[in-house]
Protein backbone atom coordinates (compact mmCIF):
# COMPACT_ATOMS: atom_id res chain seq x y z
CA UNK A 1 -12.38 -26.75 -19.96
CA UNK A 2 -10.33 -23.70 -20.82
CA UNK A 3 -7.35 -22.72 -18.66
CA UNK A 4 -9.35 -20.40 -16.40
CA UNK A 5 -11.88 -23.14 -15.71
CA UNK A 6 -9.07 -25.57 -14.92
CA UNK A 7 -7.62 -23.05 -12.48
CA UNK A 8 -11.02 -22.58 -10.85
CA UNK A 9 -11.34 -26.35 -10.45
CA UNK A 10 -7.86 -26.47 -8.92
CA UNK A 11 -8.94 -23.84 -6.40
CA UNK A 12 -11.99 -25.89 -5.43
CA UNK A 13 -9.92 -29.07 -5.05
CA UNK A 14 -6.85 -27.70 -3.31
CA UNK A 15 -7.43 -24.42 -1.50
CA UNK A 16 -8.47 -24.10 2.12
CA UNK A 17 -12.21 -23.98 2.85
CA UNK A 18 -11.52 -20.47 4.14
CA UNK A 19 -10.04 -19.27 0.82
CA UNK A 20 -11.89 -16.93 -1.55
CA UNK A 21 -12.61 -18.89 -4.73
CA UNK A 22 -12.47 -16.90 -7.94
CA UNK A 23 -15.51 -18.76 -9.30
CA UNK A 24 -17.51 -17.45 -6.33
CA UNK A 25 -16.44 -13.82 -6.53
CA UNK A 26 -19.12 -11.20 -5.88
CA UNK A 27 -18.15 -9.76 -9.23
CA UNK A 28 -17.48 -6.30 -10.63
CA UNK A 29 -19.45 -3.08 -10.75
CA UNK A 30 -19.71 -3.53 -14.51
CA UNK A 31 -20.01 -7.22 -15.51
CA UNK A 32 -17.60 -8.50 -18.16
CA UNK A 33 -17.11 -11.68 -20.09
CA UNK A 34 -14.64 -13.96 -18.25
CA UNK A 35 -11.12 -14.23 -19.61
CA UNK A 36 -10.33 -17.72 -20.99
CA UNK A 37 -6.82 -17.63 -19.49
CA UNK A 38 -7.06 -15.72 -16.22
CA UNK A 39 -9.28 -15.88 -13.17
CA UNK A 40 -11.00 -12.67 -12.17
CA UNK A 41 -8.39 -12.05 -9.45
CA UNK A 42 -5.36 -12.56 -11.68
CA UNK A 43 -7.04 -10.28 -14.20
CA UNK A 44 -7.35 -7.63 -11.47
CA UNK A 45 -3.68 -7.96 -10.59
CA UNK A 46 -2.75 -7.37 -14.23
CA UNK A 47 -4.98 -4.29 -14.46
CA UNK A 48 -3.38 -2.81 -11.37
CA UNK A 49 0.18 -3.45 -12.57
CA UNK A 50 -0.59 -1.81 -15.93
CA UNK A 51 -2.25 1.25 -14.36
CA UNK A 52 -0.72 4.72 -14.35
CA UNK A 53 -1.11 5.01 -10.59
CA UNK A 54 1.01 1.89 -10.09
CA UNK A 55 3.82 3.28 -12.26
CA UNK A 56 3.85 6.53 -10.28
CA UNK A 57 4.65 4.64 -7.07
CA UNK A 58 8.30 4.42 -8.17
CA UNK A 59 8.68 8.16 -7.46
CA UNK A 60 6.66 8.32 -4.25
CA UNK A 61 8.20 8.47 -0.78
CA UNK A 62 8.03 5.48 1.50
CA UNK A 63 9.56 7.02 4.66
CA UNK A 64 12.58 9.11 3.68
CA UNK A 65 12.02 12.13 1.44
CA UNK A 66 14.10 12.02 -1.75
CA UNK A 67 16.96 9.96 -0.29
CA UNK A 68 20.24 10.12 -2.21
CA UNK A 69 20.97 6.48 -2.93
CA UNK A 70 19.76 3.65 -5.10
CA UNK A 71 18.91 1.22 -2.31
CA UNK A 72 16.34 3.12 -0.26
CA UNK A 73 12.75 2.00 -0.53
CA UNK A 74 10.09 3.79 -2.52
CA UNK A 75 6.35 3.21 -2.41
CA UNK A 76 6.77 0.83 -5.37
CA UNK A 77 9.47 -1.34 -3.81
CA UNK A 78 7.42 -1.40 -0.60
CA UNK A 79 4.45 -2.68 -2.61
CA UNK A 80 6.55 -5.45 -4.14
CA UNK A 81 7.86 -6.51 -0.73
CA UNK A 82 4.34 -6.61 0.70
CA UNK A 83 3.26 -8.75 -2.25
CA UNK A 84 6.13 -11.20 -1.76
CA UNK A 85 5.47 -11.62 1.97
CA UNK A 86 1.72 -11.90 1.49
CA UNK A 87 2.04 -14.52 -1.24
CA UNK A 88 4.36 -16.62 0.91
CA UNK A 89 1.84 -16.59 3.75
CA UNK A 90 -1.13 -17.21 1.45
CA UNK A 91 0.56 -20.17 -0.20
CA UNK A 92 1.40 -21.77 3.13
CA UNK A 93 -2.19 -21.31 4.34
CA UNK A 94 -3.62 -22.51 1.00
CA UNK A 95 -5.38 -19.23 0.40
CA UNK A 96 -5.93 -17.65 -3.01
CA UNK A 97 -2.56 -16.28 -4.11
CA UNK A 98 -3.99 -14.36 -7.06
CA UNK A 99 -6.41 -12.45 -4.84
CA UNK A 100 -3.68 -11.86 -2.26
CA UNK A 101 -1.28 -10.52 -4.88
CA UNK A 102 -3.90 -8.25 -6.46
CA UNK A 103 -4.77 -6.68 -3.11
CA UNK A 104 -1.09 -6.22 -2.25
CA UNK A 105 -0.28 -4.63 -5.61
CA UNK A 106 -3.17 -2.19 -5.30
CA UNK A 107 -3.14 -1.35 -1.61
CA UNK A 108 -1.14 1.91 -1.94
CA UNK A 109 -2.35 3.19 -5.33
CA UNK A 110 -3.90 6.21 -3.64
CA UNK A 111 -0.93 7.22 -1.52
CA UNK A 112 0.09 10.87 -1.65
CA UNK A 113 3.52 12.24 -2.53
CA UNK A 114 5.84 12.59 0.47
CA UNK A 115 4.34 9.56 2.23
CA UNK A 116 2.19 10.15 5.30
CA UNK A 117 3.37 13.76 5.45
CA UNK A 118 1.44 14.43 2.27
CA UNK A 119 -1.59 12.65 3.67
CA UNK A 120 -1.48 14.75 6.85
CA UNK A 121 -1.10 17.95 4.84
CA UNK A 122 -4.21 17.31 2.78
CA UNK A 123 -6.25 16.34 5.82
CA UNK A 124 -5.26 19.52 7.64
CA UNK A 125 -6.15 21.89 4.82
CA UNK A 126 -9.14 20.19 3.20
CA UNK A 127 -12.73 20.13 4.42
CA UNK A 128 -13.02 16.60 2.98
CA UNK A 129 -11.67 13.58 4.81
CA UNK A 130 -8.67 12.03 3.07
CA UNK A 131 -7.09 8.64 3.71
CA UNK A 132 -4.76 6.85 1.36
CA UNK A 133 -6.53 3.48 1.65
CA UNK A 134 -9.88 5.00 0.65
CA UNK A 135 -8.10 6.92 -2.11
CA UNK A 136 -6.64 3.65 -3.42
CA UNK A 137 -10.16 2.35 -3.95
CA UNK A 138 -11.15 5.65 -5.52
CA UNK A 139 -8.23 5.50 -7.95
CA UNK A 140 -9.30 2.04 -9.05
CA UNK A 141 -13.03 2.76 -9.28
CA UNK A 142 -13.32 6.39 -10.35
CA UNK A 143 -10.06 7.79 -11.69
CA UNK A 144 -8.68 4.85 -13.68
CA UNK A 145 -11.91 2.84 -13.95
CA UNK A 146 -10.15 -0.50 -13.50
CA UNK A 147 -13.47 -2.20 -12.69
CA UNK A 148 -11.93 -4.50 -10.08
CA UNK A 149 -13.75 -7.22 -8.18
CA UNK A 150 -15.47 -6.54 -4.88
CA UNK A 151 -12.94 -8.67 -2.98
CA UNK A 152 -9.88 -6.82 -4.30
CA UNK A 153 -11.42 -3.41 -3.59
CA UNK A 154 -12.36 -4.52 -0.08
CA UNK A 155 -8.80 -5.69 0.65
CA UNK A 156 -7.32 -2.47 -0.71
CA UNK A 157 -9.64 -0.27 1.29
CA UNK A 158 -9.25 -2.22 4.54
CA UNK A 159 -5.48 -2.82 4.53
CA UNK A 160 -5.27 -0.20 7.29
CA UNK A 161 -7.74 1.57 9.54
CA UNK A 162 -10.40 0.22 11.89
CA UNK A 163 -12.35 -1.90 9.40
CA UNK A 164 -11.00 -5.41 8.77
CA UNK A 165 -11.11 -7.02 5.32
CA UNK A 166 -13.86 -9.50 4.60
CA UNK A 167 -11.52 -12.11 3.10
CA UNK A 168 -8.67 -14.01 4.70
CA UNK A 169 -6.52 -12.92 1.79
CA UNK A 170 -7.17 -9.28 2.68
CA UNK A 171 -6.25 -9.99 6.30
CA UNK A 172 -2.98 -11.56 5.14
CA UNK A 173 -2.11 -8.41 3.16
CA UNK A 174 -2.97 -6.22 6.15
CA UNK A 175 -0.48 -8.14 8.32
CA UNK A 176 2.09 -8.35 5.53
CA UNK A 177 2.01 -4.58 5.05
CA UNK A 178 3.05 -4.09 8.65
CA UNK A 179 5.70 -6.83 8.50
CA UNK A 180 7.18 -5.29 5.35
CA UNK A 181 7.28 -1.62 6.32
CA UNK A 182 8.64 -2.09 9.83
CA UNK A 183 11.51 -4.23 8.61
CA UNK A 184 12.48 -2.38 5.47
CA UNK A 185 12.28 0.93 7.34
CA UNK A 186 14.78 -0.48 9.85
CA UNK A 187 17.00 -1.46 6.94
CA UNK A 188 16.83 2.06 5.47
CA UNK A 189 17.36 3.72 8.87
CA UNK A 190 20.46 1.59 9.45
CA UNK A 191 21.78 2.45 5.99
CA UNK A 192 21.19 6.13 6.67
CA UNK A 193 22.98 6.06 10.02
CA UNK A 194 19.85 7.07 11.91
CA UNK A 195 20.02 4.01 14.16
CA UNK A 196 22.64 1.36 14.85
CA UNK A 197 22.13 -2.40 15.13
CA UNK A 198 22.84 -2.26 18.85
CA UNK A 199 20.00 0.25 19.31
CA UNK A 200 17.33 -2.35 18.56
CA UNK A 201 15.51 -3.50 21.73
CA UNK A 202 17.03 -6.63 23.26
CA UNK A 203 13.70 -8.44 23.38
CA UNK A 204 13.15 -7.79 19.67
CA UNK A 205 16.54 -9.22 18.72
CA UNK A 206 16.05 -12.22 21.01
CA UNK A 207 12.63 -13.11 19.61
CA UNK A 208 12.81 -11.98 15.98
CA UNK A 209 16.52 -12.18 15.19
CA UNK A 210 19.30 -9.70 14.51
CA UNK A 211 19.22 -9.50 10.70
CA UNK A 212 16.62 -8.29 8.21
CA UNK A 213 16.08 -11.79 6.84
CA UNK A 214 15.81 -13.39 10.27
CA UNK A 215 13.18 -10.91 11.40
CA UNK A 216 10.98 -11.35 8.33
CA UNK A 217 11.32 -15.13 8.46
CA UNK A 218 10.32 -15.20 12.14
CA UNK A 219 7.33 -12.94 11.56
CA UNK A 220 6.10 -14.88 8.54
CA UNK A 221 6.50 -18.17 10.40
CA UNK A 222 4.73 -16.60 13.35
CA UNK A 223 1.69 -15.94 11.17
CA UNK A 224 1.72 -19.25 9.30
CA UNK A 225 2.31 -21.49 12.31
CA UNK A 226 -0.29 -19.74 14.44
CA UNK A 227 -2.95 -19.74 11.72
CA UNK A 228 -2.85 -23.48 11.01
CA UNK A 229 -4.55 -26.21 12.98
CA UNK A 230 -2.61 -29.02 14.65
CA UNK A 231 -2.64 -31.05 11.41
CA UNK A 232 -1.15 -28.10 9.50
CA UNK A 233 -3.83 -28.41 6.85
CA UNK A 234 -6.33 -25.59 7.34
CA UNK A 235 -6.81 -22.18 8.85
CA UNK A 236 -7.91 -21.36 12.33
CA UNK A 237 -10.99 -19.09 12.43
CA UNK A 238 -8.67 -16.07 12.11
CA UNK A 239 -5.41 -15.06 10.45
CA UNK A 240 -3.24 -14.22 13.44
CA UNK A 241 0.32 -14.04 14.66
CA UNK A 242 2.02 -15.92 17.48
CA UNK A 243 1.53 -13.79 20.64
CA UNK A 244 5.22 -13.64 21.56
CA UNK A 245 6.22 -12.77 18.00
CA UNK A 246 3.40 -10.23 17.75
CA UNK A 247 4.48 -8.58 21.00
CA UNK A 248 8.03 -8.26 19.68
CA UNK A 249 6.72 -6.73 16.44
CA UNK A 250 4.64 -4.19 18.39
CA UNK A 251 7.71 -3.31 20.46
CA UNK A 252 9.73 -2.87 17.28
CA UNK A 253 7.03 -0.64 15.81
CA UNK A 254 7.01 1.52 18.95
CA UNK A 255 10.80 1.78 18.74
CA UNK A 256 10.57 2.92 15.11
CA UNK A 257 8.02 5.59 15.95
CA UNK A 258 10.21 6.91 18.73
CA UNK A 259 13.54 6.83 16.91
CA UNK A 260 12.73 7.13 13.20
CA UNK A 261 9.16 8.04 12.24
CA UNK A 262 8.65 11.11 14.41
CA UNK A 263 11.98 12.50 15.60
CA UNK A 264 14.84 11.53 13.33
CA UNK A 265 16.89 13.87 11.14
CA UNK A 266 15.41 12.15 8.10
CA UNK A 267 12.00 13.56 9.00
CA UNK A 268 13.08 17.20 9.42
CA UNK A 269 12.16 18.11 5.83
CA UNK A 270 8.60 16.85 6.21
CA UNK A 271 7.33 20.21 7.48
CA UNK A 272 8.50 21.80 4.21
CA UNK A 273 6.78 19.05 2.22
CA UNK A 274 3.54 19.64 4.09
CA UNK A 275 3.67 23.38 3.48
CA UNK A 276 4.37 22.77 -0.20
CA UNK A 277 1.34 20.47 -0.52
CA UNK A 278 -0.93 22.89 1.31
CA UNK A 279 0.20 25.88 -0.73
CA UNK A 280 -0.50 23.97 -3.94
CA UNK A 281 -3.89 22.94 -2.59
CA UNK A 282 -4.81 26.59 -1.99
CA UNK A 283 -3.44 27.60 -5.38
CA UNK A 284 -5.57 25.09 -7.29
CA UNK A 285 -8.64 25.83 -5.18
CA UNK A 286 -8.25 29.47 -6.25
CA UNK A 287 -7.37 28.52 -9.84
CA UNK A 288 -9.38 25.36 -10.62
CA UNK A 289 -9.02 26.00 -14.36
CA UNK A 290 -5.38 24.93 -14.00
CA UNK A 291 -6.34 21.43 -12.86
CA UNK A 292 -5.81 19.08 -15.87
CA UNK A 293 -8.81 18.35 -18.06
CA UNK A 294 -8.76 14.65 -17.12
CA UNK A 295 -10.22 15.69 -13.75
CA UNK A 296 -13.01 17.68 -15.42
CA UNK A 297 -15.66 15.03 -14.85
CA UNK A 298 -14.77 14.82 -11.16
CA UNK A 299 -14.91 18.61 -10.83
CA UNK A 300 -18.31 18.75 -12.53
CA UNK A 301 -19.86 15.86 -10.61
CA UNK A 302 -18.17 16.09 -7.19
CA UNK A 303 -16.83 19.61 -6.98
CA UNK A 304 -13.50 21.34 -7.35
CA UNK A 305 -12.19 20.33 -3.90
CA UNK A 306 -12.43 16.62 -4.71
CA UNK A 307 -10.79 17.20 -8.09
CA UNK A 308 -7.92 19.14 -6.47
CA UNK A 309 -7.41 16.38 -3.89
CA UNK A 310 -7.37 13.72 -6.60
CA UNK A 311 -4.86 15.71 -8.65
CA UNK A 312 -2.49 16.38 -5.74
CA UNK A 313 -2.72 12.87 -4.28
CA UNK A 314 -1.88 11.36 -7.64
CA UNK A 315 1.32 13.34 -8.07
CA UNK A 316 4.72 11.77 -7.54
CA UNK A 317 7.30 13.50 -5.34
CA UNK A 318 9.25 14.66 -8.37
CA UNK A 319 6.19 15.95 -10.22
CA UNK A 320 4.77 17.89 -7.28
CA UNK A 321 8.10 19.70 -6.85
CA UNK A 322 8.17 20.43 -10.59
CA UNK A 323 4.66 21.92 -10.47
CA UNK A 324 5.54 23.99 -7.41
CA UNK A 325 8.62 25.42 -9.14
CA UNK A 326 6.64 26.29 -12.25
CA UNK A 327 4.04 28.17 -10.22
CA UNK A 328 6.10 29.88 -7.53
CA UNK A 329 9.74 30.15 -8.62
CA UNK A 330 10.76 32.84 -11.11
CA UNK A 331 12.04 31.76 -14.47
CA UNK A 332 15.08 33.31 -16.06
CA UNK A 333 14.52 35.67 -18.97
CA UNK A 334 15.76 34.20 -22.22
CA UNK A 335 17.42 36.61 -24.71
């Protein structure tokens, strides 16, 4: 057996009966010869990490627009934290770590510049529905043609929204995304002086802990311990979190929406970001010839509005500001 076949046998022998086995994947849109070294899911992870969309995440807003400091999260560092948490949970539950990691690495490929402000801006101005999870799948399938497996695309598309992933690995990433963003956003809000440690709800501190590490550890343990049977060897019928721990996480999320996500000083610039995105949208709708040629096939097959959305959603924060300046700000005359 080659190394991939050995890994597939290991999955059959060791993983939970609820895990997604790479040898039983539903496959890709365009069939390919298997890699002798990597399973289909580890191959997907590598394709995502080497994609252009993944590299652009380093200059995309997580919560705070263009923060001045090296330690604030970006969409890329958020993705890495989600991956770390999800892999820890998957390993403890004997799920497929490669599939879990691939979904986590790809879940935000379609996110707009300026975080959810950019997403709101495009939804308000466009006649087409836009959601970053659906755009992540579109980036992988249409724009970068990564030809990922059905299971990875499903997990990426269902990491948020009403539809749940089909695999347990996808459900782990969905929970891990929430665990990651709530806690690292607290960390950033504390660093920025938006909230103080004593502002956190008493019940949250009592149940989850007072520090960043304590909270994540409690939440991860809350998922792992509540998703194992009494022998600690296999999954319950659902990936779930301990009710008391889950209630504390929901309370913490509500606190963050009240104090940070919707009304803090760090969010005051979002209205400007939304106007910028919408003005660029209108500009490119009126001047579709200025959309780069790489979106030509999309424009021809799906129309200029879809091509404009793809172009704007793919921009990083820094690039969208650069484009705006080039179009709308006067340039000095050179003598």
